[in-house]
Amino acid sequence: MSTLANPPLRLPAELTIFTASVTRNAWLGWMADESLQGNADGLCLVAADEVAEIDAAGVQLLVSLANALAGQHRRLRLQDPTEVLRKACTALGVQALLLDEGTPDPEAA
C-alpha cells in the first residue's frame, strides 16, 4: 500500500549499467520497508513514465525486481511505461513478464 510516508516506487530516468547498483539498493530498501510496515500489497505498482534511457542491465534489474516480488507472492506492474522502456522489454523478450498487456498502449490508439 502506498502512503505519504512510503510513496510508490518510481523508476529513474536512466536505468542502465551505470545506475544499476544504486537503483538496486534503493529498491531492496523499499521492499524491506514495505514488508516491515505491513504495506506489501499483492500488486506492486511502479511508476515507469520517466524512463528515458535503459539498457540490458536495466531490464535485467527489472526482471530481478519482478522475481524478488514474486518470492513475496506479489506482482510487479509497470505503470505508464515509456516507449523506450516498452521497446527495450520487447527487444529482450521480457514484455510478457514486465509489461501489462491488458493495459492499452495509448500510442496504439
PDB file of N, CA and C in Angstrom:
ATOM      1  N   MET A   1       0.844  -1.159   0.000  1.00  0.00           N
ATOM      2  CA  MET A   1       0.000   0.000   0.000  1.00  0.00           C
ATOM      3  C   MET A   1       0.898   1.232   0.000  1.00  0.00           C
ATOM      4  N   SER A   2       0.577   2.203  -0.795  1.00  0.00           N
ATOM      5  CA  SER A   2       1.364   3.427  -0.851  1.00  0.00           C
ATOM      6  C   SER A   2       0.796   4.445   0.116  1.00  0.00           C
ATOM      7  N   THR A   3       1.676   5.067   0.859  1.00  0.00           N
ATOM      8  CA  THR A   3       1.277   6.118   1.779  1.00  0.00           C
ATOM      9  C   THR A   3       2.186   7.305   1.563  1.00  0.00           C
ATOM     10  N   LEU A   4       1.875   8.427   2.219  1.00  0.00           N
ATOM     11  CA  LEU A   4       2.745   9.589   2.106  1.00  0.00           C
ATOM     12  C   LEU A   4       4.124   9.285   2.665  1.00  0.00           C
ATOM     13  N   ALA A   5       4.178   8.490   3.736  1.00  0.00           N
ATOM     14  CA  ALA A   5       5.459   8.147   4.350  1.00  0.00           C
ATOM     15  C   ALA A   5       6.254   7.176   3.481  1.00  0.00           C
ATOM     16  N   ASN A   6       5.547   6.388   2.699  1.00  0.00           N
ATOM     17  CA  ASN A   6       6.201   5.379   1.872  1.00  0.00           C
ATOM     18  C   ASN A   6       5.611   5.441   0.468  1.00  0.00           C
ATOM     19  N   PRO A   7       6.086   6.386  -0.352  1.00  0.00           N
ATOM     20  CA  PRO A   7       5.487   6.573  -1.674  1.00  0.00           C
ATOM     21  C   PRO A   7       5.725   5.378  -2.583  1.00  0.00           C
ATOM     22  N   PRO A   8       4.939   5.286  -3.660  1.00  0.00           N
ATOM     23  CA  PRO A   8       5.139   4.179  -4.593  1.00  0.00           C
ATOM     24  C   PRO A   8       6.519   4.263  -5.226  1.00  0.00           C
ATOM     25  N   LEU A   9       6.984   3.136  -5.689  1.00  0.00           N
ATOM     26  CA  LEU A   9       8.286   3.065  -6.340  1.00  0.00           C
ATOM     27  C   LEU A   9       8.209   3.757  -7.691  1.00  0.00           C
ATOM     28  N   ARG A  10       9.242   4.511  -8.025  1.00  0.00           N
ATOM     29  CA  ARG A  10       9.313   5.221  -9.301  1.00  0.00           C
ATOM     30  C   ARG A  10      10.636   4.880  -9.966  1.00  0.00           C
ATOM     31  N   LEU A  11      10.562   4.469 -11.220  1.00  0.00           N
ATOM     32  CA  LEU A  11      11.780   4.181 -11.965  1.00  0.00           C
ATOM     33  C   LEU A  11      12.485   5.487 -12.310  1.00  0.00           C
ATOM     34  N   PRO A  12      13.820   5.473 -12.278  1.00  0.00           N
ATOM     35  CA  PRO A  12      14.564   6.682 -12.632  1.00  0.00           C
ATOM     36  C   PRO A  12      14.564   6.902 -14.145  1.00  0.00           C
ATOM     37  N   ALA A  13      14.954   8.092 -14.561  1.00  0.00           N
ATOM     38  CA  ALA A  13      15.041   8.400 -15.990  1.00  0.00           C
ATOM     39  C   ALA A  13      16.099   7.538 -16.667  1.00  0.00           C
ATOM     40  N   GLU A  14      17.183   7.255 -15.958  1.00  0.00           N
ATOM     41  CA  GLU A  14      18.250   6.412 -16.501  1.00  0.00           C
ATOM     42  C   GLU A  14      18.286   5.095 -15.736  1.00  0.00           C
ATOM     43  N   LEU A  15      18.053   4.034 -16.453  1.00  0.00           N
ATOM     44  CA  LEU A  15      18.072   2.694 -15.874  1.00  0.00           C
ATOM     45  C   LEU A  15      19.073   1.879 -16.691  1.00  0.00           C
ATOM     46  N   THR A  16      20.353   2.083 -16.369  1.00  0.00           N
ATOM     47  CA  THR A  16      21.441   1.485 -17.147  1.00  0.00           C
ATOM     48  C   THR A  16      22.457   0.842 -16.213  1.00  0.00           C
ATOM     49  N   ILE A  17      23.467   0.254 -16.798  1.00  0.00           N
ATOM     50  CA  ILE A  17      24.523  -0.374 -16.013  1.00  0.00           C
ATOM     51  C   ILE A  17      25.184   0.632 -15.069  1.00  0.00           C
ATOM     52  N   PHE A  18      25.179   1.897 -15.454  1.00  0.00           N
ATOM     53  CA  PHE A  18      25.817   2.928 -14.638  1.00  0.00           C
ATOM     54  C   PHE A  18      25.013   3.271 -13.388  1.00  0.00           C
ATOM     55  N   THR A  19      23.704   2.992 -13.405  1.00  0.00           N
ATOM     56  CA  THR A  19      22.847   3.307 -12.258  1.00  0.00           C
ATOM     57  C   THR A  19      22.308   2.058 -11.570  1.00  0.00           C
ATOM     58  N   ALA A  20      22.624   0.885 -12.096  1.00  0.00           N
ATOM     59  CA  ALA A  20      22.025  -0.364 -11.608  1.00  0.00           C
ATOM     60  C   ALA A  20      22.280  -0.621 -10.128  1.00  0.00           C
ATOM     61  N   SER A  21      23.482  -0.426  -9.658  1.00  0.00           N
ATOM     62  CA  SER A  21      23.811  -0.726  -8.266  1.00  0.00           C
ATOM     63  C   SER A  21      23.045   0.169  -7.297  1.00  0.00           C
ATOM     64  N   VAL A  22      23.046   1.456  -7.558  1.00  0.00           N
ATOM     65  CA  VAL A  22      22.339   2.403  -6.684  1.00  0.00           C
ATOM     66  C   VAL A  22      20.838   2.135  -6.721  1.00  0.00           C
ATOM     67  N   THR A  23      20.315   1.905  -7.919  1.00  0.00           N
ATOM     68  CA  THR A  23      18.885   1.647  -8.071  1.00  0.00           C
ATOM     69  C   THR A  23      18.496   0.357  -7.365  1.00  0.00           C
ATOM     70  N   ARG A  24      19.295  -0.683  -7.511  1.00  0.00           N
ATOM     71  CA  ARG A  24      19.013  -1.968  -6.862  1.00  0.00           C
ATOM     72  C   ARG A  24      18.947  -1.801  -5.350  1.00  0.00           C
ATOM     73  N   ASN A  25      19.912  -1.107  -4.776  1.00  0.00           N
ATOM     74  CA  ASN A  25      19.925  -0.901  -3.323  1.00  0.00           C
ATOM     75  C   ASN A  25      18.701  -0.125  -2.857  1.00  0.00           C
ATOM     76  N   ALA A  26      18.300   0.877  -3.619  1.00  0.00           N
ATOM     77  CA  ALA A  26      17.103   1.650  -3.269  1.00  0.00           C
ATOM     78  C   ALA A  26      15.861   0.764  -3.305  1.00  0.00           C
ATOM     79  N   TRP A  27      15.747  -0.097  -4.318  1.00  0.00           N
ATOM     80  CA  TRP A  27      14.590  -0.978  -4.427  1.00  0.00           C
ATOM     81  C   TRP A  27      14.540  -1.993  -3.301  1.00  0.00           C
ATOM     82  N   LEU A  28      15.695  -2.568  -2.956  1.00  0.00           N
ATOM     83  CA  LEU A  28      15.728  -3.535  -1.855  1.00  0.00           C
ATOM     84  C   LEU A  28      15.315  -2.869  -0.546  1.00  0.00           C
ATOM     85  N   GLY A  29      15.763  -1.647  -0.328  1.00  0.00           N
ATOM     86  CA  GLY A  29      15.346  -0.901   0.860  1.00  0.00           C
ATOM     87  C   GLY A  29      13.856  -0.637   0.858  1.00  0.00           C
ATOM     88  N   TRP A  30      13.329  -0.283  -0.299  1.00  0.00           N
ATOM     89  CA  TRP A  30      11.893  -0.023  -0.422  1.00  0.00           C
ATOM     90  C   TRP A  30      11.086  -1.288  -0.124  1.00  0.00           C
ATOM     91  N   MET A  31      11.531  -2.429  -0.674  1.00  0.00           N
ATOM     92  CA  MET A  31      10.823  -3.689  -0.427  1.00  0.00           C
ATOM     93  C   MET A  31      10.847  -4.056   1.050  1.00  0.00           C
ATOM     94  N   ALA A  32      11.973  -3.849   1.697  1.00  0.00           N
ATOM     95  CA  ALA A  32      12.091  -4.155   3.128  1.00  0.00           C
ATOM     96  C   ALA A  32      11.168  -3.258   3.941  1.00  0.00           C
ATOM     97  N   ASP A  33      11.120  -1.976   3.611  1.00  0.00           N
ATOM     98  CA  ASP A  33      10.235  -1.046   4.314  1.00  0.00           C
ATOM     99  C   ASP A  33       8.777  -1.442   4.151  1.00  0.00           C
ATOM    100  N   GLU A  34       8.387  -1.797   2.933  1.00  0.00           N
ATOM    101  CA  GLU A  34       7.012  -2.214   2.668  1.00  0.00           C
ATOM    102  C   GLU A  34       6.637  -3.421   3.531  1.00  0.00           C
ATOM    103  N   SER A  35       7.521  -4.399   3.595  1.00  0.00           N
ATOM    104  CA  SER A  35       7.252  -5.610   4.374  1.00  0.00           C
ATOM    105  C   SER A  35       7.170  -5.310   5.865  1.00  0.00           C
ATOM    106  N   LEU A  36       8.115  -4.517   6.368  1.00  0.00           N
ATOM    107  CA  LEU A  36       8.134  -4.187   7.797  1.00  0.00           C
ATOM    108  C   LEU A  36       6.906  -3.407   8.224  1.00  0.00           C
ATOM    109  N   GLN A  37       6.421  -2.535   7.352  1.00  0.00           N
ATOM    110  CA  GLN A  37       5.265  -1.711   7.684  1.00  0.00           C
ATOM    111  C   GLN A  37       3.946  -2.422   7.402  1.00  0.00           C
ATOM    112  N   GLY A  38       4.023  -3.620   6.862  1.00  0.00           N
ATOM    113  CA  GLY A  38       2.805  -4.365   6.555  1.00  0.00           C
ATOM    114  C   GLY A  38       2.054  -3.791   5.368  1.00  0.00           C
ATOM    115  N   ASN A  39       2.750  -3.088   4.494  1.00  0.00           N
ATOM    116  CA  ASN A  39       2.120  -2.439   3.348  1.00  0.00           C
ATOM    117  C   ASN A  39       2.334  -3.201   2.052  1.00  0.00           C
ATOM    118  N   ALA A  40       2.723  -4.439   2.138  1.00  0.00           N
ATOM    119  CA  ALA A  40       3.086  -5.198   0.946  1.00  0.00           C
ATOM    120  C   ALA A  40       1.839  -5.722   0.239  1.00  0.00           C
ATOM    121  N   ASP A  41       1.239  -4.883  -0.606  1.00  0.00           N
ATOM    122  CA  ASP A  41       0.090  -5.301  -1.406  1.00  0.00           C
ATOM    123  C   ASP A  41       0.509  -6.376  -2.395  1.00  0.00           C
ATOM    124  N   GLY A  42      -0.452  -7.185  -2.845  1.00  0.00           N
ATOM    125  CA  GLY A  42      -0.164  -8.217  -3.823  1.00  0.00           C
ATOM    126  C   GLY A  42       0.273  -7.655  -5.160  1.00  0.00           C
ATOM    127  N   LEU A  43      -0.234  -6.482  -5.502  1.00  0.00           N
ATOM    128  CA  LEU A  43       0.137  -5.827  -6.746  1.00  0.00           C
ATOM    129  C   LEU A  43       1.022  -4.638  -6.427  1.00  0.00           C
ATOM    130  N   CYS A  44       2.198  -4.627  -6.989  1.00  0.00           N
ATOM    131  CA  CYS A  44       3.170  -3.566  -6.744  1.00  0.00           C
ATOM    132  C   CYS A  44       3.236  -2.660  -7.969  1.00  0.00           C
ATOM    133  N   LEU A  45       2.618  -1.488  -7.873  1.00  0.00           N
ATOM    134  CA  LEU A  45       2.645  -0.524  -8.971  1.00  0.00           C
ATOM    135  C   LEU A  45       3.952   0.243  -8.945  1.00  0.00           C
ATOM    136  N   VAL A  46       4.597   0.326 -10.084  1.00  0.00           N
ATOM    137  CA  VAL A  46       5.864   1.036 -10.208  1.00  0.00           C
ATOM    138  C   VAL A  46       5.715   2.063 -11.328  1.00  0.00           C
ATOM    139  N   ALA A  47       5.841   3.334 -10.975  1.00  0.00           N
ATOM    140  CA  ALA A  47       5.736   4.399 -11.973  1.00  0.00           C
ATOM    141  C   ALA A  47       6.898   4.287 -12.951  1.00  0.00           C
ATOM    142  N   ALA A  48       6.583   4.193 -14.233  1.00  0.00           N
ATOM    143  CA  ALA A  48       7.612   3.986 -15.257  1.00  0.00           C
ATOM    144  C   ALA A  48       7.554   5.049 -16.346  1.00  0.00           C
ATOM    145  N   ASP A  49       6.959   6.182 -16.028  1.00  0.00           N
ATOM    146  CA  ASP A  49       6.718   7.218 -17.032  1.00  0.00           C
ATOM    147  C   ASP A  49       7.884   8.177 -17.254  1.00  0.00           C
ATOM    148  N   GLU A  50       8.984   7.982 -16.530  1.00  0.00           N
ATOM    149  CA  GLU A  50      10.130   8.876 -16.689  1.00  0.00           C
ATOM    150  C   GLU A  50      11.346   8.196 -17.314  1.00  0.00           C
ATOM    151  N   VAL A  51      11.241   6.912 -17.621  1.00  0.00           N
ATOM    152  CA  VAL A  51      12.394   6.188 -18.164  1.00  0.00           C
ATOM    153  C   VAL A  51      12.707   6.715 -19.565  1.00  0.00           C
ATOM    154  N   ALA A  52      13.880   7.318 -19.702  1.00  0.00           N
ATOM    155  CA  ALA A  52      14.319   7.861 -20.988  1.00  0.00           C
ATOM    156  C   ALA A  52      15.466   7.053 -21.579  1.00  0.00           C
ATOM    157  N   GLU A  53      16.180   6.340 -20.714  1.00  0.00           N
ATOM    158  CA  GLU A  53      17.336   5.556 -21.166  1.00  0.00           C
ATOM    159  C   GLU A  53      17.374   4.250 -20.383  1.00  0.00           C
ATOM    160  N   ILE A  54      17.450   3.144 -21.126  1.00  0.00           N
ATOM    161  CA  ILE A  54      17.512   1.831 -20.489  1.00  0.00           C
ATOM    162  C   ILE A  54      18.362   0.911 -21.360  1.00  0.00           C
ATOM    163  N   ASP A  55      19.132   0.062 -20.714  1.00  0.00           N
ATOM    164  CA  ASP A  55      19.934  -0.925 -21.436  1.00  0.00           C
ATOM    165  C   ASP A  55      19.615  -2.308 -20.874  1.00  0.00           C
ATOM    166  N   ALA A  56      20.348  -3.310 -21.330  1.00  0.00           N
ATOM    167  CA  ALA A  56      20.090  -4.685 -20.895  1.00  0.00           C
ATOM    168  C   ALA A  56      20.236  -4.837 -19.386  1.00  0.00           C
ATOM    169  N   ALA A  57      21.174  -4.125 -18.777  1.00  0.00           N
ATOM    170  CA  ALA A  57      21.339  -4.198 -17.321  1.00  0.00           C
ATOM    171  C   ALA A  57      20.109  -3.640 -16.613  1.00  0.00           C
ATOM    172  N   GLY A  58      19.524  -2.591 -17.160  1.00  0.00           N
ATOM    173  CA  GLY A  58      18.311  -2.024 -16.579  1.00  0.00           C
ATOM    174  C   GLY A  58      17.138  -2.977 -16.678  1.00  0.00           C
ATOM    175  N   VAL A  59      16.993  -3.623 -17.827  1.00  0.00           N
ATOM    176  CA  VAL A  59      15.922  -4.612 -17.992  1.00  0.00           C
ATOM    177  C   VAL A  59      16.158  -5.787 -17.053  1.00  0.00           C
ATOM    178  N   GLN A  60      17.400  -6.226 -16.945  1.00  0.00           N
ATOM    179  CA  GLN A  60      17.728  -7.323 -16.028  1.00  0.00           C
ATOM    180  C   GLN A  60      17.368  -6.950 -14.591  1.00  0.00           C
ATOM    181  N   LEU A  61      17.590  -5.710 -14.229  1.00  0.00           N
ATOM    182  CA  LEU A  61      17.242  -5.245 -12.891  1.00  0.00           C
ATOM    183  C   LEU A  61      15.732  -5.299 -12.671  1.00  0.00           C
ATOM    184  N   LEU A  62      14.959  -4.941 -13.682  1.00  0.00           N
ATOM    185  CA  LEU A  62      13.501  -5.032 -13.578  1.00  0.00           C
ATOM    186  C   LEU A  62      13.046  -6.480 -13.433  1.00  0.00           C
ATOM    187  N   VAL A  63      13.667  -7.382 -14.179  1.00  0.00           N
ATOM    188  CA  VAL A  63      13.336  -8.809 -14.063  1.00  0.00           C
ATOM    189  C   VAL A  63      13.674  -9.297 -12.659  1.00  0.00           C
ATOM    190  N   SER A  64      14.792  -8.858 -12.131  1.00  0.00           N
ATOM    191  CA  SER A  64      15.194  -9.228 -10.774  1.00  0.00           C
ATOM    192  C   SER A  64      14.183  -8.719  -9.747  1.00  0.00           C
ATOM    193  N   LEU A  65      13.723  -7.481  -9.926  1.00  0.00           N
ATOM    194  CA  LEU A  65      12.703  -6.931  -9.027  1.00  0.00           C
ATOM    195  C   LEU A  65      11.415  -7.741  -9.121  1.00  0.00           C
ATOM    196  N   ALA A  66      11.002  -8.071 -10.332  1.00  0.00           N
ATOM    197  CA  ALA A  66       9.789  -8.876 -10.514  1.00  0.00           C
ATOM    198  C   ALA A  66       9.928 -10.233  -9.830  1.00  0.00           C
ATOM    199  N   ASN A  67      11.093 -10.856  -9.951  1.00  0.00           N
ATOM    200  CA  ASN A  67      11.324 -12.154  -9.313  1.00  0.00           C
ATOM    201  C   ASN A  67      11.351 -12.038  -7.791  1.00  0.00           C
ATOM    202  N   ALA A  68      11.967 -10.981  -7.274  1.00  0.00           N
ATOM    203  CA  ALA A  68      12.005 -10.777  -5.823  1.00  0.00           C
ATOM    204  C   ALA A  68      10.596 -10.564  -5.279  1.00  0.00           C
ATOM    205  N   LEU A  69       9.790  -9.804  -5.999  1.00  0.00           N
ATOM    206  CA  LEU A  69       8.404  -9.589  -5.578  1.00  0.00           C
ATOM    207  C   LEU A  69       7.612 -10.890  -5.649  1.00  0.00           C
ATOM    208  N   ALA A  70       7.842 -11.689  -6.685  1.00  0.00           N
ATOM    209  CA  ALA A  70       7.153 -12.978  -6.809  1.00  0.00           C
ATOM    210  C   ALA A  70       7.483 -13.877  -5.626  1.00  0.00           C
ATOM    211  N   GLY A  71       8.709 -13.770  -5.123  1.00  0.00           N
ATOM    212  CA  GLY A  71       9.099 -14.531  -3.938  1.00  0.00           C
ATOM    213  C   GLY A  71       8.320 -14.124  -2.699  1.00  0.00           C
ATOM    214  N   GLN A  72       7.732 -12.929  -2.731  1.00  0.00           N
ATOM    215  CA  GLN A  72       6.883 -12.435  -1.641  1.00  0.00           C
ATOM    216  C   GLN A  72       5.400 -12.568  -2.005  1.00  0.00           C
ATOM    217  N   HIS A  73       5.113 -13.326  -3.050  1.00  0.00           N
ATOM    218  CA  HIS A  73       3.747 -13.520  -3.550  1.00  0.00           C
ATOM    219  C   HIS A  73       3.127 -12.189  -3.969  1.00  0.00           C
ATOM    220  N   ARG A  74       3.937 -11.387  -4.643  1.00  0.00           N
ATOM    221  CA  ARG A  74       3.491 -10.094  -5.149  1.00  0.00           C
ATOM    222  C   ARG A  74       3.787 -10.040  -6.638  1.00  0.00           C
ATOM    223  N   ARG A  75       3.148  -9.102  -7.314  1.00  0.00           N
ATOM    224  CA  ARG A  75       3.336  -8.978  -8.758  1.00  0.00           C
ATOM    225  C   ARG A  75       3.687  -7.539  -9.108  1.00  0.00           C
ATOM    226  N   LEU A  76       4.650  -7.397  -9.992  1.00  0.00           N
ATOM    227  CA  LEU A  76       5.092  -6.092 -10.470  1.00  0.00           C
ATOM    228  C   LEU A  76       4.202  -5.631 -11.615  1.00  0.00           C
ATOM    229  N   ARG A  77       3.792  -4.374 -11.568  1.00  0.00           N
ATOM    230  CA  ARG A  77       3.093  -3.773 -12.704  1.00  0.00           C
ATOM    231  C   ARG A  77       3.731  -2.423 -12.980  1.00  0.00           C
ATOM    232  N   LEU A  78       4.273  -2.277 -14.179  1.00  0.00           N
ATOM    233  CA  LEU A  78       4.849  -1.003 -14.586  1.00  0.00           C
ATOM    234  C   LEU A  78       3.715  -0.088 -15.030  1.00  0.00           C
ATOM    235  N   GLN A  79       3.620   1.039 -14.386  1.00  0.00           N
ATOM    236  CA  GLN A  79       2.537   1.982 -14.650  1.00  0.00           C
ATOM    237  C   GLN A  79       3.018   3.037 -15.647  1.00  0.00           C
ATOM    238  N   ASP A  80       2.319   3.173 -16.750  1.00  0.00           N
ATOM    239  CA  ASP A  80       2.631   4.152 -17.797  1.00  0.00           C
ATOM    240  C   ASP A  80       4.063   4.033 -18.320  1.00  0.00           C
ATOM    241  N   PRO A  81       4.477   2.840 -18.750  1.00  0.00           N
ATOM    242  CA  PRO A  81       5.850   2.699 -19.251  1.00  0.00           C
ATOM    243  C   PRO A  81       6.072   3.539 -20.508  1.00  0.00           C
ATOM    244  N   THR A  82       7.241   4.131 -20.594  1.00  0.00           N
ATOM    245  CA  THR A  82       7.583   4.937 -21.764  1.00  0.00           C
ATOM    246  C   THR A  82       7.809   4.031 -22.971  1.00  0.00           C
ATOM    247  N   GLU A  83       7.806   4.629 -24.140  1.00  0.00           N
ATOM    248  CA  GLU A  83       8.051   3.867 -25.362  1.00  0.00           C
ATOM    249  C   GLU A  83       9.451   3.254 -25.344  1.00  0.00           C
ATOM    250  N   VAL A  84      10.421   3.984 -24.805  1.00  0.00           N
ATOM    251  CA  VAL A  84      11.795   3.472 -24.693  1.00  0.00           C
ATOM    252  C   VAL A  84      11.812   2.194 -23.857  1.00  0.00           C
ATOM    253  N   LEU A  85      11.100   2.198 -22.751  1.00  0.00           N
ATOM    254  CA  LEU A  85      11.035   1.028 -21.873  1.00  0.00           C
ATOM    255  C   LEU A  85      10.308  -0.126 -22.560  1.00  0.00           C
ATOM    256  N   ARG A  86       9.202   0.175 -23.221  1.00  0.00           N
ATOM    257  CA  ARG A  86       8.456  -0.862 -23.938  1.00  0.00           C
ATOM    258  C   ARG A  86       9.324  -1.539 -25.001  1.00  0.00           C
ATOM    259  N   LYS A  87      10.032  -0.722 -25.765  1.00  0.00           N
ATOM    260  CA  LYS A  87      10.874  -1.270 -26.834  1.00  0.00           C
ATOM    261  C   LYS A  87      12.001  -2.132 -26.271  1.00  0.00           C
ATOM    262  N   ALA A  88      12.601  -1.707 -25.173  1.00  0.00           N
ATOM    263  CA  ALA A  88      13.686  -2.485 -24.563  1.00  0.00           C
ATOM    264  C   ALA A  88      13.168  -3.831 -24.066  1.00  0.00           C
ATOM    265  N   CYS A  89      12.017  -3.824 -23.414  1.00  0.00           N
ATOM    266  CA  CYS A  89      11.442  -5.076 -22.909  1.00  0.00           C
ATOM    267  C   CYS A  89      11.092  -6.020 -24.056  1.00  0.00           C
ATOM    268  N   THR A  90      10.550  -5.466 -25.126  1.00  0.00           N
ATOM    269  CA  THR A  90      10.196  -6.275 -26.287  1.00  0.00           C
ATOM    270  C   THR A  90      11.444  -6.828 -26.969  1.00  0.00           C
ATOM    271  N   ALA A  91      12.452  -5.982 -27.143  1.00  0.00           N
ATOM    272  CA  ALA A  91      13.687  -6.409 -27.806  1.00  0.00           C
ATOM    273  C   ALA A  91      14.379  -7.536 -27.050  1.00  0.00           C
ATOM    274  N   LEU A  92      14.259  -7.524 -25.720  1.00  0.00           N
ATOM    275  CA  LEU A  92      14.919  -8.544 -24.904  1.00  0.00           C
ATOM    276  C   LEU A  92      13.989  -9.694 -24.527  1.00  0.00           C
ATOM    277  N   GLY A  93      12.758  -9.675 -25.056  1.00  0.00           N
ATOM    278  CA  GLY A  93      11.840 -10.796 -24.884  1.00  0.00           C
ATOM    279  C   GLY A  93      11.206 -10.932 -23.515  1.00  0.00           C
ATOM    280  N   VAL A  94      11.123  -9.842 -22.763  1.00  0.00           N
ATOM    281  CA  VAL A  94      10.532  -9.927 -21.422  1.00  0.00           C
ATOM    282  C   VAL A  94       9.242  -9.114 -21.310  1.00  0.00           C
ATOM    283  N   GLN A  95       8.653  -8.759 -22.444  1.00  0.00           N
ATOM    284  CA  GLN A  95       7.448  -7.940 -22.406  1.00  0.00           C
ATOM    285  C   GLN A  95       6.307  -8.618 -21.659  1.00  0.00           C
ATOM    286  N   ALA A  96       6.174  -9.928 -21.774  1.00  0.00           N
ATOM    287  CA  ALA A  96       5.091 -10.631 -21.083  1.00  0.00           C
ATOM    288  C   ALA A  96       5.277 -10.588 -19.572  1.00  0.00           C
ATOM    289  N   LEU A  97       6.524 -10.585 -19.130  1.00  0.00           N
ATOM    290  CA  LEU A  97       6.812 -10.557 -17.700  1.00  0.00           C
ATOM    291  C   LEU A  97       6.682  -9.148 -17.126  1.00  0.00           C
ATOM    292  N   LEU A  98       7.123  -8.158 -17.878  1.00  0.00           N
ATOM    293  CA  LEU A  98       7.215  -6.809 -17.326  1.00  0.00           C
ATOM    294  C   LEU A  98       6.126  -5.848 -17.772  1.00  0.00           C
ATOM    295  N   LEU A  99       5.555  -6.065 -18.932  1.00  0.00           N
ATOM    296  CA  LEU A  99       4.549  -5.135 -19.431  1.00  0.00           C
ATOM    297  C   LEU A  99       3.172  -5.742 -19.280  1.00  0.00           C
ATOM    298  N   ASP A 100       2.272  -4.986 -18.686  1.00  0.00           N
ATOM    299  CA  ASP A 100       0.898  -5.448 -18.506  1.00  0.00           C
ATOM    300  C   ASP A 100       0.175  -5.273 -19.835  1.00  0.00           C
ATOM    301  N   GLU A 101       0.093  -6.353 -20.581  1.00  0.00           N
ATOM    302  CA  GLU A 101      -0.506  -6.268 -21.911  1.00  0.00           C
ATOM    303  C   GLU A 101      -2.011  -6.019 -21.852  1.00  0.00           C
ATOM    304  N   GLY A 102      -2.610  -6.130 -20.657  1.00  0.00           N
ATOM    305  CA  GLY A 102      -4.021  -5.814 -20.504  1.00  0.00           C
ATOM    306  C   GLY A 102      -4.270  -4.318 -20.485  1.00  0.00           C
ATOM    307  N   THR A 103      -3.222  -3.542 -20.279  1.00  0.00           N
ATOM    308  CA  THR A 103      -3.345  -2.095 -20.268  1.00  0.00           C
ATOM    309  C   THR A 103      -3.122  -1.586 -21.680  1.00  0.00           C
ATOM    310  N   PRO A 104      -4.100  -0.867 -22.227  1.00  0.00           N
ATOM    311  CA  PRO A 104      -3.937  -0.403 -23.597  1.00  0.00           C
ATOM    312  C   PRO A 104      -2.761   0.549 -23.739  1.00  0.00           C
ATOM    313  N   ASP A 105      -2.067   0.429 -24.849  1.00  0.00           N
ATOM    314  CA  ASP A 105      -0.962   1.319 -25.169  1.00  0.00           C
ATOM    315  C   ASP A 105      -1.561   2.583 -25.773  1.00  0.00           C
ATOM    316  N   PRO A 106      -1.381   3.742 -25.119  1.00  0.00           N
ATOM    317  CA  PRO A 106      -2.005   4.960 -25.620  1.00  0.00           C
ATOM    318  C   PRO A 106      -1.529   5.325 -27.024  1.00  0.00           C
ATOM    319  N   GLU A 107      -0.330   4.918 -27.401  1.00  0.00           N
ATOM    320  CA  GLU A 107       0.188   5.247 -28.724  1.00  0.00           C
ATOM    321  C   GLU A 107      -0.375   4.322 -29.797  1.00  0.00           C
ATOM    322  N   ALA A 108      -0.975   3.219 -29.388  1.00  0.00           N
ATOM    323  CA  ALA A 108      -1.539   2.279 -30.350  1.00  0.00           C
ATOM    324  C   ALA A 108      -2.941   2.702 -30.773  1.00  0.00           C
ATOM    325  N   ALA A 109      -3.545   3.596 -30.014  1.00  0.00           N
ATOM    326  CA  ALA A 109      -4.923   4.022 -30.306  1.00  0.00           C
ATOM    327  C   ALA A 109      -4.971   4.995 -31.459  1.00  0.00           C
TER     328      ALA A 109
END
